[in-house]
Amino acid sequence: MEKISVIIPVYNVEPYIRKCLDSVVTQTHENLEVLLVNDGSTDDSGVICDEYAAKDNRVRVFHKKNGGVSSARNVGLMHATGKYIGFTDSDDWLEPDMYEVLHNELRNRDATICIAAFFRDTDTDSVPMKNRIHIQSDTLTCKDMMLFALKRDHYMGFCAYLWNKLFLSDIIVDNAFFFDESINYGEDVLFLMNLIMSIGSAGVYCEKPLYHYYQRCSSIARTEKVEVKTDILTAYKKVENLMNDNGYSDISYWARGFYCYHAGVVAEVAYKTGNEAVLRMMKCEIEAHLDDYKATNRDFPEKITRMQRMLCLEL
């Protein structure tokens, strides 16, 4: 078995981390290096990490001051020694054979990235995310992977997350890829797109759901802090620039469409919190990108109607 480095940023996840780590250390692919980066947790998350390291020599723990998920993942990347790299969130969990399946797919298809479908979990149910459009090709081009990641409503099982993917470590290490530490929400799509555009080689998709994405109320994606939500606007603007700079300007309107979507999310938060200045700014951003949003949501007219209603919000 070739070694897989699994990077797990950890921050105040005491109620969830044992389930996550149990699902990682019991993988059927046993040659793992589990890199736990405790990002200044104020609960017992760091203690639990040390506990797992004490009983399993594949687990390594790094304690650091709080700097955000991007800086935590960068610490993991700096210490990863595996031939492959995977990312896991510390409140999620894996199917027992996830890394065995992804590793075999990468080797058998001579690919650099393998993507698996996933489950979306709550406290009451577990729903497999299925693509609306079947991915037929055995191998995926760089353009395929970019479009499938950005066409979220058509390819729900693909998405731009990192945790349902396994990467050949050479494409990260050789290109000295790190996360933008100024961004802690949307950092995954920026990292993934940068990676895809730089490798010039193939990926492969596995339709079997292998990862459990747990939707908890306190996650960063559910926060209503404007300063957190605006991070993802910066991320998608950088994605657009990357696409334009690397010869993909013909499809960069997909990045602008997502930018518009998240401007709408920030507008809603600003409206709920009474932040008139941010609401006014986001309405300008929506207007500037509305044509791109319409182009990327032709199959979902209700979304276009909802976005147009955002322009009518007033405080």
Protein backbone atom coordinates (compact mmCIF):
# COMPACT_ATOMS: atom_id res chain seq x y z
CA MET A 1 0.00 0.00 0.00
CA GLU A 2 1.28 3.46 -0.92
CA LYS A 3 1.11 6.06 1.82
CA ILE A 4 -1.76 8.54 1.95
CA SER A 5 -1.40 11.70 4.03
CA VAL A 6 -4.73 12.79 5.50
CA ILE A 7 -4.75 16.43 6.64
CA ILE A 8 -7.35 17.34 9.25
CA PRO A 9 -7.64 20.90 10.63
CA VAL A 10 -9.10 20.86 14.13
CA TYR A 11 -10.85 23.70 15.95
CA ASN A 12 -13.35 23.30 18.82
CA VAL A 13 -14.92 20.06 17.58
CA GLU A 14 -14.84 18.09 20.84
CA PRO A 15 -18.33 16.55 20.33
CA TYR A 16 -17.53 15.32 16.81
CA ILE A 17 -13.84 14.57 16.42
CA ARG A 18 -13.82 11.04 17.84
CA LYS A 19 -16.30 9.88 15.20
CA CYS A 20 -14.17 11.50 12.52
CA LEU A 21 -10.89 10.01 13.72
CA ASP A 22 -12.36 6.55 14.28
CA SER A 23 -13.50 6.54 10.65
CA VAL A 24 -10.02 7.56 9.47
CA VAL A 25 -7.78 5.24 11.52
CA THR A 26 -9.96 2.20 10.66
CA GLN A 27 -9.73 2.71 6.89
CA THR A 28 -9.20 -0.46 4.87
CA HIS A 29 -6.24 1.31 3.26
CA GLU A 30 -4.02 1.11 6.32
CA ASN A 31 -0.90 2.92 5.12
CA LEU A 32 -1.96 6.34 6.32
CA GLU A 33 -0.28 9.37 7.79
CA VAL A 34 -2.92 11.30 9.76
CA LEU A 35 -1.88 14.93 10.27
CA LEU A 36 -4.01 16.62 12.93
CA VAL A 37 -3.51 20.37 13.15
CA ASN A 38 -5.03 21.77 16.31
CA ASP A 39 -5.71 25.40 15.40
CA GLY A 40 -5.82 26.86 18.91
CA SER A 41 -8.88 24.98 20.15
CA THR A 42 -10.26 26.19 23.48
CA ASP A 43 -12.09 22.94 24.24
CA ASP A 44 -10.60 19.44 24.63
CA SER A 45 -10.15 18.86 20.90
CA GLY A 46 -6.36 19.07 21.21
CA VAL A 47 -6.35 16.63 24.12
CA ILE A 48 -8.34 14.14 22.06
CA CYS A 49 -5.87 14.53 19.18
CA ASP A 50 -2.98 13.71 21.51
CA GLU A 51 -4.91 10.73 22.81
CA TYR A 52 -5.19 9.24 19.31
CA ALA A 53 -1.53 9.95 18.57
CA ALA A 54 -0.51 8.12 21.75
CA LYS A 55 -2.23 4.90 20.65
CA ASP A 56 -1.61 5.02 16.87
CA ASN A 57 1.83 5.86 15.51
CA ARG A 58 0.33 6.88 12.15
CA VAL A 59 -1.22 9.94 13.84
CA ARG A 60 0.83 13.12 14.20
CA VAL A 61 -0.43 16.21 16.04
CA PHE A 62 0.59 19.83 15.54
CA HIS A 63 -0.62 22.45 18.02
CA LYS A 64 -0.66 26.08 16.86
CA LYS A 65 -2.22 29.42 17.65
CA ASN A 66 -5.57 30.03 16.00
CA GLY A 67 -5.03 31.23 12.45
CA GLY A 68 -7.94 29.78 10.51
CA VAL A 69 -8.53 26.69 8.42
CA SER A 70 -6.20 27.79 5.61
CA SER A 71 -3.18 28.20 7.87
CA ALA A 72 -3.99 24.88 9.59
CA ARG A 73 -4.09 23.02 6.28
CA ASN A 74 -0.82 24.66 5.26
CA VAL A 75 0.86 23.21 8.35
CA GLY A 76 -0.40 19.80 7.25
CA LEU A 77 0.93 20.29 3.72
CA MET A 78 4.35 21.28 5.04
CA HIS A 79 4.61 17.98 6.95
CA ALA A 80 2.91 15.59 4.52
CA THR A 81 5.12 12.75 3.28
CA GLY A 82 2.60 10.49 1.53
CA LYS A 83 2.43 9.77 -2.18
CA TYR A 84 -1.19 10.95 -2.04
CA ILE A 85 -2.91 13.70 -0.05
CA GLY A 86 -6.48 13.83 1.19
CA PHE A 87 -8.30 16.42 3.28
CA THR A 88 -10.93 15.68 5.92
CA ASP A 89 -12.98 18.06 8.05
CA SER A 90 -12.91 17.19 11.74
CA ASP A 91 -16.70 17.09 12.17
CA ASP A 92 -17.27 14.73 9.21
CA TRP A 93 -16.57 11.02 8.74
CA LEU A 94 -15.62 8.54 6.03
CA GLU A 95 -16.93 5.26 4.70
CA PRO A 96 -14.49 2.49 5.75
CA ASP A 97 -13.14 1.92 2.22
CA MET A 98 -12.99 5.50 1.01
CA TYR A 99 -9.25 5.81 0.58
CA GLU A 100 -8.87 2.28 -0.74
CA VAL A 101 -11.40 3.00 -3.49
CA LEU A 102 -9.93 6.39 -4.40
CA HIS A 103 -6.36 5.07 -4.35
CA ASN A 104 -7.26 2.16 -6.63
CA GLU A 105 -9.05 4.47 -9.05
CA LEU A 106 -6.04 6.77 -9.25
CA ARG A 107 -3.65 3.90 -9.92
CA ASN A 108 -5.87 2.03 -12.37
CA ARG A 109 -6.69 5.15 -14.40
CA ASP A 110 -3.26 6.77 -14.15
CA ALA A 111 -4.95 9.95 -12.89
CA THR A 112 -3.83 12.75 -10.60
CA ILE A 113 -7.14 13.57 -8.88
CA CYS A 114 -9.93 11.19 -7.88
CA ILE A 115 -13.32 12.56 -6.81
CA ALA A 116 -15.98 10.60 -4.93
CA ALA A 117 -19.66 11.28 -4.42
CA PHE A 118 -20.73 12.01 -0.84
CA PHE A 119 -23.56 12.02 1.69
CA ARG A 120 -25.03 15.15 3.21
CA ASP A 121 -25.76 14.35 6.84
CA THR A 122 -27.80 15.99 9.57
CA ASP A 123 -28.78 14.72 12.99
CA THR A 124 -31.82 13.04 11.45
CA ASP A 125 -30.87 11.77 8.00
CA SER A 126 -28.12 10.93 5.51
CA VAL A 127 -28.77 11.78 1.86
CA PRO A 128 -26.48 10.71 -0.99
CA MET A 129 -25.73 13.65 -3.28
CA LYS A 130 -26.41 12.54 -6.84
CA ASN A 131 -25.53 14.38 -10.03
CA ARG A 132 -28.43 15.57 -12.17
CA ILE A 133 -26.29 14.89 -15.23
CA HIS A 134 -24.45 11.58 -15.40
CA ILE A 135 -20.67 11.84 -15.73
CA GLN A 136 -19.99 9.37 -18.52
CA SER A 137 -16.30 9.80 -19.23
CA ASP A 138 -13.78 7.43 -17.61
CA THR A 139 -11.28 10.26 -17.38
CA LEU A 140 -11.87 13.96 -16.83
CA THR A 141 -9.98 16.80 -18.47
CA CYS A 142 -9.01 19.92 -16.54
CA LYS A 143 -11.89 21.79 -18.18
CA ASP A 144 -14.31 19.02 -17.17
CA MET A 145 -13.21 19.23 -13.55
CA MET A 146 -13.53 23.01 -13.46
CA LEU A 147 -17.00 22.99 -14.97
CA PHE A 148 -18.28 20.11 -12.83
CA ALA A 149 -17.05 21.92 -9.71
CA LEU A 150 -18.77 25.16 -10.74
CA LYS A 151 -22.00 23.62 -12.09
CA ARG A 152 -23.01 22.72 -8.56
CA ASP A 153 -26.72 22.26 -9.21
CA HIS A 154 -26.03 19.82 -12.05
CA TYR A 155 -23.16 17.97 -10.39
CA MET A 156 -24.05 17.88 -6.70
CA GLY A 157 -21.94 14.78 -6.14
CA PHE A 158 -18.81 16.50 -7.46
CA CYS A 159 -18.69 20.05 -6.06
CA ALA A 160 -15.64 22.16 -5.26
CA TYR A 161 -14.99 20.73 -1.81
CA LEU A 162 -11.63 19.13 -1.02
CA TRP A 163 -12.68 16.38 1.35
CA ASN A 164 -14.26 14.10 -1.28
CA LYS A 165 -11.06 14.05 -3.33
CA LEU A 166 -7.65 12.36 -3.30
CA PHE A 167 -4.66 14.07 -4.92
CA LEU A 168 -1.32 12.79 -6.16
CA SER A 169 0.98 14.68 -3.80
CA ASP A 170 3.49 15.56 -6.54
CA ILE A 171 1.04 17.99 -8.13
CA ILE A 172 0.86 19.89 -4.83
CA VAL A 173 4.45 19.60 -3.66
CA ASP A 174 6.12 20.16 -7.05
CA ASN A 175 4.08 23.31 -7.62
CA ALA A 176 4.49 24.50 -4.01
CA PHE A 177 0.74 24.93 -3.62
CA PHE A 178 -0.51 26.37 -0.35
CA PHE A 179 -3.79 27.84 0.83
CA ASP A 180 -4.34 31.60 0.78
CA GLU A 181 -4.26 32.34 4.52
CA SER A 182 -6.20 35.57 4.05
CA ILE A 183 -9.25 33.47 3.07
CA ASN A 184 -10.99 31.04 5.44
CA TYR A 185 -14.33 30.63 3.65
CA GLY A 186 -14.12 29.66 0.00
CA GLU A 187 -10.47 28.69 0.39
CA ASP A 188 -11.25 25.21 -0.90
CA VAL A 189 -12.59 26.28 -4.31
CA LEU A 190 -9.65 28.64 -4.82
CA PHE A 191 -7.11 25.94 -3.95
CA LEU A 192 -8.86 23.33 -6.10
CA MET A 193 -9.16 25.56 -9.17
CA ASN A 194 -5.54 26.67 -8.90
CA LEU A 195 -4.52 23.04 -8.68
CA ILE A 196 -6.66 21.87 -11.60
CA MET A 197 -5.43 24.62 -13.89
CA SER A 198 -1.81 23.82 -13.15
CA ILE A 199 -1.67 20.05 -13.53
CA GLY A 200 -2.63 19.63 -17.19
CA SER A 201 -3.60 16.01 -16.58
CA ALA A 202 -6.60 13.83 -15.92
CA GLY A 203 -9.01 13.18 -13.09
CA VAL A 204 -11.49 10.40 -12.45
CA TYR A 205 -14.93 10.39 -10.81
CA CYS A 206 -16.32 7.65 -8.55
CA GLU A 207 -20.12 7.58 -8.29
CA LYS A 208 -20.07 5.68 -5.00
CA PRO A 209 -20.74 8.03 -2.04
CA LEU A 210 -17.79 7.68 0.33
CA TYR A 211 -17.72 10.81 2.50
CA HIS A 212 -20.21 12.06 5.09
CA TYR A 213 -20.54 15.86 5.11
CA TYR A 214 -22.16 16.77 8.42
CA GLN A 215 -24.28 19.91 8.45
CA ARG A 216 -23.99 21.38 11.94
CA CYS A 217 -25.52 24.69 12.92
CA SER A 218 -22.26 26.19 14.22
CA SER A 219 -20.19 25.56 11.08
CA ILE A 220 -18.55 28.48 9.26
CA ALA A 221 -20.84 27.99 6.26
CA ARG A 222 -23.86 28.76 8.45
CA THR A 223 -22.49 31.80 10.23
CA GLU A 224 -24.21 35.14 9.77
CA LYS A 225 -21.12 37.28 10.20
CA VAL A 226 -20.71 39.53 7.16
CA GLU A 227 -16.92 39.66 7.54
CA VAL A 228 -16.76 35.86 7.25
CA LYS A 229 -19.20 35.57 4.36
CA THR A 230 -17.35 38.14 2.24
CA ASP A 231 -14.24 35.91 2.18
CA ILE A 232 -15.87 33.76 -0.47
CA LEU A 233 -16.42 36.78 -2.73
CA THR A 234 -12.67 37.34 -2.73
CA ALA A 235 -12.14 33.64 -3.45
CA TYR A 236 -14.43 33.59 -6.49
CA LYS A 237 -12.97 36.82 -7.86
CA LYS A 238 -9.54 35.18 -7.67
CA VAL A 239 -10.94 32.05 -9.35
CA GLU A 240 -12.28 34.19 -12.19
CA ASN A 241 -8.90 35.86 -12.62
CA LEU A 242 -7.14 32.49 -12.63
CA MET A 243 -9.47 31.19 -15.31
CA ASN A 244 -8.99 34.26 -17.48
CA ASP A 245 -5.20 34.15 -17.05
CA ASN A 246 -4.97 30.44 -17.90
CA GLY A 247 -6.95 30.37 -21.12
CA TYR A 248 -10.39 29.56 -19.73
CA SER A 249 -12.03 32.95 -20.21
CA ASP A 250 -14.79 31.26 -22.26
CA ILE A 251 -16.13 29.58 -19.11
CA SER A 252 -15.12 32.11 -16.43
CA TYR A 253 -18.69 33.43 -16.38
CA TRP A 254 -19.43 30.38 -14.20
CA ALA A 255 -17.15 31.85 -11.52
CA ARG A 256 -18.88 35.23 -11.88
CA GLY A 257 -22.26 33.51 -11.53
CA PHE A 258 -21.15 32.00 -8.24
CA TYR A 259 -19.79 35.37 -7.16
CA CYS A 260 -23.26 36.82 -7.76
CA TYR A 261 -24.88 34.00 -5.78
CA HIS A 262 -22.66 34.68 -2.77
CA ALA A 263 -23.20 38.43 -3.09
CA GLY A 264 -26.87 37.55 -2.64
CA VAL A 265 -26.06 35.50 0.47
CA VAL A 266 -24.12 38.43 1.95
CA ALA A 267 -26.99 40.79 1.03
CA GLU A 268 -29.40 38.59 2.98
CA VAL A 269 -27.11 38.59 6.02
CA ALA A 270 -26.69 42.37 5.79
CA TYR A 271 -30.46 42.78 5.58
CA LYS A 272 -31.06 40.56 8.64
CA THR A 273 -28.39 42.34 10.68
CA GLY A 274 -29.36 45.84 9.57
CA ASN A 275 -26.07 46.60 7.82
CA GLU A 276 -27.22 49.16 5.26
CA ALA A 277 -23.77 49.92 3.83
CA VAL A 278 -23.00 46.27 3.05
CA LEU A 279 -26.51 45.70 1.69
CA ARG A 280 -26.11 48.62 -0.69
CA MET A 281 -22.68 47.37 -1.78
CA MET A 282 -23.94 43.82 -2.41
CA LYS A 283 -26.87 45.07 -4.46
CA CYS A 284 -24.38 46.84 -6.71
CA GLU A 285 -22.39 43.61 -7.04
CA ILE A 286 -25.54 41.65 -7.89
CA GLU A 287 -26.50 44.15 -10.58
CA ALA A 288 -22.99 43.99 -12.07
CA HIS A 289 -23.03 40.19 -12.27
CA LEU A 290 -26.71 39.46 -12.83
CA ASP A 291 -26.30 38.56 -16.50
CA ASP A 292 -23.72 35.93 -15.58
CA TYR A 293 -25.99 34.59 -12.87
CA LYS A 294 -28.82 34.30 -15.37
CA ALA A 295 -26.53 32.51 -17.84
CA THR A 296 -25.52 29.95 -15.22
CA ASN A 297 -29.06 29.35 -13.95
CA ARG A 298 -31.11 29.00 -17.13
CA ASP A 299 -32.46 25.67 -15.84
CA PHE A 300 -33.49 27.25 -12.52
CA PRO A 301 -35.72 30.30 -13.22
CA GLU A 302 -36.84 30.39 -9.59
CA LYS A 303 -33.26 31.22 -8.57
CA ILE A 304 -33.13 34.12 -11.00
CA THR A 305 -36.42 35.44 -9.62
CA ARG A 306 -35.06 35.17 -6.07
CA MET A 307 -31.89 37.04 -7.02
CA GLN A 308 -33.92 39.80 -8.65
CA ARG A 309 -35.89 40.15 -5.42
CA MET A 310 -32.60 40.80 -3.61
CA LEU A 311 -32.32 44.03 -5.53
CA CYS A 312 -35.54 45.22 -3.91
CA LEU A 313 -34.35 44.78 -0.32
CA GLU A 314 -34.39 48.02 1.63
CA LEU A 315 -33.61 48.97 5.24
